PDB file of N, CA and C in Angstrom:
ATOM      1  N   MET A   1       0.823  -1.201   0.000  1.00  0.00           N
ATOM      2  CA  MET A   1       0.000   0.000   0.000  1.00  0.00           C
ATOM      3  C   MET A   1       0.858   1.252   0.000  1.00  0.00           C
ATOM      4  N   SER A   2       2.033   1.208   0.607  1.00  0.00           N
ATOM      5  CA  SER A   2       2.896   2.386   0.640  1.00  0.00           C
ATOM      6  C   SER A   2       3.434   2.733  -0.741  1.00  0.00           C
ATOM      7  N   SER A   3       3.595   1.736  -1.636  1.00  0.00           N
ATOM      8  CA  SER A   3       4.091   2.028  -2.979  1.00  0.00           C
ATOM      9  C   SER A   3       3.070   2.803  -3.794  1.00  0.00           C
ATOM     10  N   SER A   4       1.773   2.613  -3.550  1.00  0.00           N
ATOM     11  CA  SER A   4       0.756   3.363  -4.280  1.00  0.00           C
ATOM     12  C   SER A   4       0.748   4.829  -3.862  1.00  0.00           C
ATOM     13  N   ASN A   5       1.199   5.135  -2.655  1.00  0.00           N
ATOM     14  CA  ASN A   5       1.264   6.514  -2.189  1.00  0.00           C
ATOM     15  C   ASN A   5       2.441   7.264  -2.788  1.00  0.00           C
ATOM     16  N   SER A   6       3.421   6.547  -3.334  1.00  0.00           N
ATOM     17  CA  SER A   6       4.608   7.210  -3.851  1.00  0.00           C
ATOM     18  C   SER A   6       4.502   7.564  -5.325  1.00  0.00           C
ATOM     19  N   VAL A   7       3.380   7.228  -5.970  1.00  0.00           N
ATOM     20  CA  VAL A   7       3.194   7.541  -7.386  1.00  0.00           C
ATOM     21  C   VAL A   7       2.114   8.602  -7.511  1.00  0.00           C
ATOM     22  N   TYR A   8       2.460   9.706  -8.174  1.00  0.00           N
ATOM     23  CA  TYR A   8       1.519  10.793  -8.425  1.00  0.00           C
ATOM     24  C   TYR A   8       0.899  10.576  -9.798  1.00  0.00           C
ATOM     25  N   ILE A   9      -0.425  10.567  -9.897  1.00  0.00           N
ATOM     26  CA  ILE A   9      -1.111  10.371 -11.172  1.00  0.00           C
ATOM     27  C   ILE A   9      -2.090  11.513 -11.379  1.00  0.00           C
ATOM     28  N   ASN A  10      -1.993  12.158 -12.559  1.00  0.00           N
ATOM     29  CA  ASN A  10      -2.901  13.229 -12.933  1.00  0.00           C
ATOM     30  C   ASN A  10      -3.151  13.105 -14.425  1.00  0.00           C
ATOM     31  N   GLU A  11      -4.357  12.704 -14.809  1.00  0.00           N
ATOM     32  CA  GLU A  11      -4.730  12.448 -16.190  1.00  0.00           C
ATOM     33  C   GLU A  11      -3.742  11.484 -16.832  1.00  0.00           C
ATOM     34  N   LYS A  12      -2.994  11.911 -17.866  1.00  0.00           N
ATOM     35  CA  LYS A  12      -2.074  11.019 -18.563  1.00  0.00           C
ATOM     36  C   LYS A  12      -0.664  11.046 -17.981  1.00  0.00           C
ATOM     37  N   PHE A  13      -0.440  11.846 -16.982  1.00  0.00           N
ATOM     38  CA  PHE A  13       0.892  11.985 -16.414  1.00  0.00           C
ATOM     39  C   PHE A  13       0.966  11.269 -15.071  1.00  0.00           C
ATOM     40  N   SER A  14       1.992  10.453 -14.912  1.00  0.00           N
ATOM     41  CA  SER A  14       2.234   9.834 -13.608  1.00  0.00           C
ATOM     42  C   SER A  14       3.692  10.029 -13.260  1.00  0.00           C
ATOM     43  N   GLU A  15       3.926  10.388 -12.038  1.00  0.00           N
ATOM     44  CA  GLU A  15       5.291  10.631 -11.575  1.00  0.00           C
ATOM     45  C   GLU A  15       5.645   9.539 -10.588  1.00  0.00           C
ATOM     46  N   PRO A  16       6.725   8.858 -10.641  1.00  0.00           N
ATOM     47  CA  PRO A  16       7.897   9.101 -11.467  1.00  0.00           C
ATOM     48  C   PRO A  16       7.917   8.352 -12.799  1.00  0.00           C
ATOM     49  N   MET A  17       6.903   7.579 -13.115  1.00  0.00           N
ATOM     50  CA  MET A  17       6.949   6.720 -14.298  1.00  0.00           C
ATOM     51  C   MET A  17       6.901   7.497 -15.616  1.00  0.00           C
ATOM     52  N   ALA A  18       6.197   8.610 -15.696  1.00  0.00           N
ATOM     53  CA  ALA A  18       6.039   9.332 -16.949  1.00  0.00           C
ATOM     54  C   ALA A  18       7.374   9.817 -17.500  1.00  0.00           C
ATOM     55  N   ALA A  19       8.231  10.318 -16.637  1.00  0.00           N
ATOM     56  CA  ALA A  19       9.532  10.819 -17.112  1.00  0.00           C
ATOM     57  C   ALA A  19      10.364   9.693 -17.712  1.00  0.00           C
ATOM     58  N   GLN A  20      10.367   8.548 -17.094  1.00  0.00           N
ATOM     59  CA  GLN A  20      11.116   7.417 -17.624  1.00  0.00           C
ATOM     60  C   GLN A  20      10.536   6.967 -18.953  1.00  0.00           C
ATOM     61  N   HIS A  21       9.232   6.916 -19.050  1.00  0.00           N
ATOM     62  CA  HIS A  21       8.565   6.497 -20.280  1.00  0.00           C
ATOM     63  C   HIS A  21       8.840   7.502 -21.405  1.00  0.00           C
ATOM     64  N   GLU A  22       8.721   8.777 -21.113  1.00  0.00           N
ATOM     65  CA  GLU A  22       8.952   9.809 -22.126  1.00  0.00           C
ATOM     66  C   GLU A  22      10.399   9.820 -22.592  1.00  0.00           C
ATOM     67  N   PHE A  23      11.326   9.603 -21.698  1.00  0.00           N
ATOM     68  CA  PHE A  23      12.736   9.557 -22.084  1.00  0.00           C
ATOM     69  C   PHE A  23      12.957   8.452 -23.105  1.00  0.00           C
ATOM     70  N   ALA A  24      12.433   7.282 -22.828  1.00  0.00           N
ATOM     71  CA  ALA A  24      12.600   6.147 -23.746  1.00  0.00           C
ATOM     72  C   ALA A  24      11.918   6.410 -25.084  1.00  0.00           C
ATOM     73  N   ASN A  25      10.827   7.160 -25.090  1.00  0.00           N
ATOM     74  CA  ASN A  25      10.130   7.476 -26.344  1.00  0.00           C
ATOM     75  C   ASN A  25      10.844   8.546 -27.159  1.00  0.00           C
ATOM     76  N   ASN A  26      11.602   9.405 -26.527  1.00  0.00           N
ATOM     77  CA  ASN A  26      12.217  10.541 -27.214  1.00  0.00           C
ATOM     78  C   ASN A  26      13.693  10.373 -27.519  1.00  0.00           C
ATOM     79  N   PHE A  27      14.334   9.406 -26.927  1.00  0.00           N
ATOM     80  CA  PHE A  27      15.770   9.217 -27.122  1.00  0.00           C
ATOM     81  C   PHE A  27      16.045   7.768 -27.502  1.00  0.00           C
ATOM     82  N   ASP A  28      17.070   7.574 -28.319  1.00  0.00           N
ATOM     83  CA  ASP A  28      17.446   6.248 -28.787  1.00  0.00           C
ATOM     84  C   ASP A  28      18.180   5.498 -27.681  1.00  0.00           C
ATOM     85  N   MET A  29      17.506   4.550 -27.083  1.00  0.00           N
ATOM     86  CA  MET A  29      18.100   3.802 -25.990  1.00  0.00           C
ATOM     87  C   MET A  29      19.168   2.817 -26.479  1.00  0.00           C
ATOM     88  N   ASN A  30      19.230   2.574 -27.788  1.00  0.00           N
ATOM     89  CA  ASN A  30      20.269   1.704 -28.338  1.00  0.00           C
ATOM     90  C   ASN A  30      21.596   2.434 -28.490  1.00  0.00           C
ATOM     91  N   ASP A  31      21.556   3.772 -28.397  1.00  0.00           N
ATOM     92  CA  ASP A  31      22.776   4.587 -28.471  1.00  0.00           C
ATOM     93  C   ASP A  31      22.804   5.507 -27.248  1.00  0.00           C
ATOM     94  N   PRO A  32      23.201   4.969 -26.105  1.00  0.00           N
ATOM     95  CA  PRO A  32      23.122   5.759 -24.869  1.00  0.00           C
ATOM     96  C   PRO A  32      23.980   7.017 -24.882  1.00  0.00           C
ATOM     97  N   THR A  33      25.109   6.996 -25.600  1.00  0.00           N
ATOM     98  CA  THR A  33      25.961   8.187 -25.660  1.00  0.00           C
ATOM     99  C   THR A  33      25.244   9.320 -26.384  1.00  0.00           C
ATOM    100  N   ALA A  34      24.610   9.010 -27.508  1.00  0.00           N
ATOM    101  CA  ALA A  34      23.862  10.026 -28.252  1.00  0.00           C
ATOM    102  C   ALA A  34      22.652  10.499 -27.445  1.00  0.00           C
ATOM    103  N   ALA A  35      21.983   9.579 -26.761  1.00  0.00           N
ATOM    104  CA  ALA A  35      20.829   9.944 -25.938  1.00  0.00           C
ATOM    105  C   ALA A  35      21.255  10.896 -24.830  1.00  0.00           C
ATOM    106  N   MET A  36      22.359  10.570 -24.167  1.00  0.00           N
ATOM    107  CA  MET A  36      22.860  11.412 -23.084  1.00  0.00           C
ATOM    108  C   MET A  36      23.263  12.794 -23.608  1.00  0.00           C
ATOM    109  N   SER A  37      23.902  12.830 -24.759  1.00  0.00           N
ATOM    110  CA  SER A  37      24.333  14.090 -25.345  1.00  0.00           C
ATOM    111  C   SER A  37      23.130  14.964 -25.715  1.00  0.00           C
ATOM    112  N   SER A  38      22.124  14.363 -26.336  1.00  0.00           N
ATOM    113  CA  SER A  38      20.919  15.113 -26.700  1.00  0.00           C
ATOM    114  C   SER A  38      20.217  15.642 -25.463  1.00  0.00           C
ATOM    115  N   TYR A  39      20.093  14.798 -24.453  1.00  0.00           N
ATOM    116  CA  TYR A  39      19.440  15.198 -23.215  1.00  0.00           C
ATOM    117  C   TYR A  39      20.219  16.337 -22.547  1.00  0.00           C
ATOM    118  N   ALA A  40      21.534  16.233 -22.534  1.00  0.00           N
ATOM    119  CA  ALA A  40      22.362  17.277 -21.921  1.00  0.00           C
ATOM    120  C   ALA A  40      22.180  18.607 -22.645  1.00  0.00           C
ATOM    121  N   ARG A  41      22.100  18.572 -23.983  1.00  0.00           N
ATOM    122  CA  ARG A  41      21.886  19.806 -24.757  1.00  0.00           C
ATOM    123  C   ARG A  41      20.536  20.431 -24.418  1.00  0.00           C
ATOM    124  N   ILE A  42      19.509  19.587 -24.355  1.00  0.00           N
ATOM    125  CA  ILE A  42      18.169  20.082 -24.028  1.00  0.00           C
ATOM    126  C   ILE A  42      18.147  20.697 -22.631  1.00  0.00           C
ATOM    127  N   MET A  43      18.753  20.018 -21.667  1.00  0.00           N
ATOM    128  CA  MET A  43      18.772  20.535 -20.305  1.00  0.00           C
ATOM    129  C   MET A  43      19.612  21.808 -20.194  1.00  0.00           C
ATOM    130  N   HIS A  44      20.689  21.898 -20.976  1.00  0.00           N
ATOM    131  CA  HIS A  44      21.504  23.112 -20.977  1.00  0.00           C
ATOM    132  C   HIS A  44      20.680  24.299 -21.477  1.00  0.00           C
ATOM    133  N   GLU A  45      19.946  24.101 -22.572  1.00  0.00           N
ATOM    134  CA  GLU A  45      19.089  25.171 -23.097  1.00  0.00           C
ATOM    135  C   GLU A  45      18.002  25.541 -22.091  1.00  0.00           C
ATOM    136  N   HIS A  46      17.421  24.545 -21.457  1.00  0.00           N
ATOM    137  CA  HIS A  46      16.385  24.799 -20.454  1.00  0.00           C
ATOM    138  C   HIS A  46      16.949  25.617 -19.292  1.00  0.00           C
ATOM    139  N   THR A  47      18.139  25.248 -18.831  1.00  0.00           N
ATOM    140  CA  THR A  47      18.772  25.962 -17.726  1.00  0.00           C
ATOM    141  C   THR A  47      19.089  27.400 -18.117  1.00  0.00           C
ATOM    142  N   LYS A  48      19.572  27.606 -19.340  1.00  0.00           N
ATOM    143  CA  LYS A  48      19.857  28.971 -19.808  1.00  0.00           C
ATOM    144  C   LYS A  48      18.580  29.805 -19.836  1.00  0.00           C
ATOM    145  N   LYS A  49      17.477  29.223 -20.302  1.00  0.00           N
ATOM    146  CA  LYS A  49      16.207  29.953 -20.343  1.00  0.00           C
ATOM    147  C   LYS A  49      15.734  30.293 -18.938  1.00  0.00           C
ATOM    148  N   GLN A  50      15.864  29.343 -18.015  1.00  0.00           N
ATOM    149  CA  GLN A  50      15.451  29.588 -16.640  1.00  0.00           C
ATOM    150  C   GLN A  50      16.293  30.693 -16.003  1.00  0.00           C
ATOM    151  N   LEU A  51      17.600  30.657 -16.229  1.00  0.00           N
ATOM    152  CA  LEU A  51      18.484  31.677 -15.679  1.00  0.00           C
ATOM    153  C   LEU A  51      18.166  33.039 -16.274  1.00  0.00           C
ATOM    154  N   ASN A  52      17.934  33.075 -17.570  1.00  0.00           N
ATOM    155  CA  ASN A  52      17.590  34.332 -18.238  1.00  0.00           C
ATOM    156  C   ASN A  52      16.275  34.889 -17.691  1.00  0.00           C
ATOM    157  N   SER A  53      15.312  34.018 -17.492  1.00  0.00           N
ATOM    158  CA  SER A  53      14.025  34.440 -16.945  1.00  0.00           C
ATOM    159  C   SER A  53      14.188  34.986 -15.528  1.00  0.00           C
ATOM    160  N   ALA A  54      14.961  34.307 -14.706  1.00  0.00           N
ATOM    161  CA  ALA A  54      15.196  34.772 -13.335  1.00  0.00           C
ATOM    162  C   ALA A  54      15.947  36.098 -13.325  1.00  0.00           C
ATOM    163  N   THR A  55      16.921  36.237 -14.211  1.00  0.00           N
ATOM    164  CA  THR A  55      17.689  37.484 -14.296  1.00  0.00           C
ATOM    165  C   THR A  55      16.789  38.642 -14.708  1.00  0.00           C
ATOM    166  N   ASN A  56      15.953  38.420 -15.718  1.00  0.00           N
ATOM    167  CA  ASN A  56      15.034  39.474 -16.169  1.00  0.00           C
ATOM    168  C   ASN A  56      14.045  39.846 -15.069  1.00  0.00           C
ATOM    169  N   SER A  57      13.573  38.853 -14.351  1.00  0.00           N
ATOM    170  CA  SER A  57      12.646  39.119 -13.250  1.00  0.00           C
ATOM    171  C   SER A  57      13.318  39.949 -12.158  1.00  0.00           C
ATOM    172  N   ALA A  58      14.547  39.598 -11.832  1.00  0.00           N
ATOM    173  CA  ALA A  58      15.278  40.355 -10.809  1.00  0.00           C
ATOM    174  C   ALA A  58      15.533  41.787 -11.266  1.00  0.00           C
ATOM    175  N   ARG A  59      15.819  41.965 -12.538  1.00  0.00           N
ATOM    176  CA  ARG A  59      16.030  43.328 -13.060  1.00  0.00           C
ATOM    177  C   ARG A  59      14.753  44.145 -12.973  1.00  0.00           C
ATOM    178  N   ARG A  60      13.613  43.509 -13.313  1.00  0.00           N
ATOM    179  CA  ARG A  60      12.344  44.236 -13.240  1.00  0.00           C
ATOM    180  C   ARG A  60      12.037  44.644 -11.806  1.00  0.00           C
ATOM    181  N   ARG A  61      12.326  43.753 -10.851  1.00  0.00           N
ATOM    182  CA  ARG A  61      12.051  44.066  -9.443  1.00  0.00           C
ATOM    183  C   ARG A  61      12.937  45.192  -8.940  1.00  0.00           C
ATOM    184  N   SER A  62      14.141  45.287  -9.463  1.00  0.00           N
ATOM    185  CA  SER A  62      15.070  46.286  -8.945  1.00  0.00           C
ATOM    186  C   SER A  62      15.120  47.554  -9.791  1.00  0.00           C
ATOM    187  N   GLU A  63      14.265  47.678 -10.796  1.00  0.00           N
ATOM    188  CA  GLU A  63      14.297  48.876 -11.656  1.00  0.00           C
ATOM    189  C   GLU A  63      14.064  50.155 -10.871  1.00  0.00           C
ATOM    190  N   GLY A  64      13.138  50.154  -9.940  1.00  0.00           N
ATOM    191  CA  GLY A  64      12.850  51.349  -9.151  1.00  0.00           C
ATOM    192  C   GLY A  64      14.036  51.782  -8.316  1.00  0.00           C
ATOM    193  N   SER A  65      14.746  50.853  -7.729  1.00  0.00           N
ATOM    194  CA  SER A  65      15.889  51.203  -6.887  1.00  0.00           C
ATOM    195  C   SER A  65      17.137  51.485  -7.714  1.00  0.00           C
ATOM    196  N   THR A  66      17.194  50.981  -8.950  1.00  0.00           N
ATOM    197  CA  THR A  66      18.375  51.191  -9.794  1.00  0.00           C
ATOM    198  C   THR A  66      18.540  52.662 -10.138  1.00  0.00           C
ATOM    199  N   SER A  67      17.437  53.370 -10.444  1.00  0.00           N
ATOM    200  CA  SER A  67      17.555  54.767 -10.841  1.00  0.00           C
ATOM    201  C   SER A  67      18.088  55.627  -9.694  1.00  0.00           C
ATOM    202  N   SER A  68      17.642  55.370  -8.471  1.00  0.00           N
ATOM    203  CA  SER A  68      18.135  56.165  -7.348  1.00  0.00           C
ATOM    204  C   SER A  68      19.577  55.801  -7.013  1.00  0.00           C
ATOM    205  N   SER A  69      19.935  54.528  -7.107  1.00  0.00           N
ATOM    206  CA  SER A  69      21.320  54.165  -6.813  1.00  0.00           C
ATOM    207  C   SER A  69      22.261  54.651  -7.907  1.00  0.00           C
ATOM    208  N   THR A  70      21.768  54.726  -9.151  1.00  0.00           N
ATOM    209  CA  THR A  70      22.594  55.244 -10.242  1.00  0.00           C
ATOM    210  C   THR A  70      22.887  56.718 -10.006  1.00  0.00           C
ATOM    211  N   SER A  71      21.875  57.482  -9.589  1.00  0.00           N
ATOM    212  CA  SER A  71      22.117  58.902  -9.354  1.00  0.00           C
ATOM    213  C   SER A  71      23.051  59.107  -8.166  1.00  0.00           C
ATOM    214  N   LEU A  72      22.975  58.256  -7.171  1.00  0.00           N
ATOM    215  CA  LEU A  72      23.892  58.358  -6.049  1.00  0.00           C
ATOM    216  C   LEU A  72      25.317  58.034  -6.499  1.00  0.00           C
ATOM    217  N   GLN A  73      25.460  57.029  -7.330  1.00  0.00           N
ATOM    218  CA  GLN A  73      26.775  56.666  -7.831  1.00  0.00           C
ATOM    219  C   GLN A  73      27.336  57.793  -8.694  1.00  0.00           C
ATOM    220  N   THR A  74      26.490  58.429  -9.488  1.00  0.00           N
ATOM    221  CA  THR A  74      26.931  59.525 -10.346  1.00  0.00           C
ATOM    222  C   THR A  74      27.407  60.700  -9.498  1.00  0.00           C
ATOM    223  N   VAL A  75      26.649  61.060  -8.479  1.00  0.00           N
ATOM    224  CA  VAL A  75      27.030  62.156  -7.589  1.00  0.00           C
ATOM    225  C   VAL A  75      28.331  61.789  -6.877  1.00  0.00           C
ATOM    226  N   SER A  76      28.422  60.568  -6.410  1.00  0.00           N
ATOM    227  CA  SER A  76      29.607  60.122  -5.694  1.00  0.00           C
ATOM    228  C   SER A  76      30.831  60.157  -6.592  1.00  0.00           C
ATOM    229  N   SER A  77      30.708  59.674  -7.834  1.00  0.00           N
ATOM    230  CA  SER A  77      31.876  59.654  -8.741  1.00  0.00           C
ATOM    231  C   SER A  77      32.190  61.053  -9.257  1.00  0.00           C
ATOM    232  N   ALA A  78      31.201  61.920  -9.358  1.00  0.00           N
ATOM    233  CA  ALA A  78      31.455  63.277  -9.829  1.00  0.00           C
ATOM    234  C   ALA A  78      32.203  64.076  -8.776  1.00  0.00           C
ATOM    235  N   SER A  79      31.951  63.782  -7.493  1.00  0.00           N
ATOM    236  CA  SER A  79      32.621  64.530  -6.455  1.00  0.00           C
ATOM    237  C   SER A  79      34.058  64.059  -6.207  1.00  0.00           C
ATOM    238  N   SER A  80      34.421  62.881  -6.722  1.00  0.00           N
ATOM    239  CA  SER A  80      35.791  62.413  -6.481  1.00  0.00           C
ATOM    240  C   SER A  80      36.721  62.777  -7.561  1.00  0.00           C
TER     241      SER A  80
END
């Protein structure tokens, strides 16, 4: 009974089984090196997109404070 509690099922998606099934459907399991390389490329692109999204979000949050800190930096550098 405890094993049934460890599987999440929602419509056609079940965790952790869906990820394993999808991997086998999308990558050539007969060529594990190529499968690993393709997966690594996909994950690298995904990570870059996530980092870019987080960076843009942080910039948007700090836009209001950036203008005041820029003017302080300008005054500070102009006086030196």
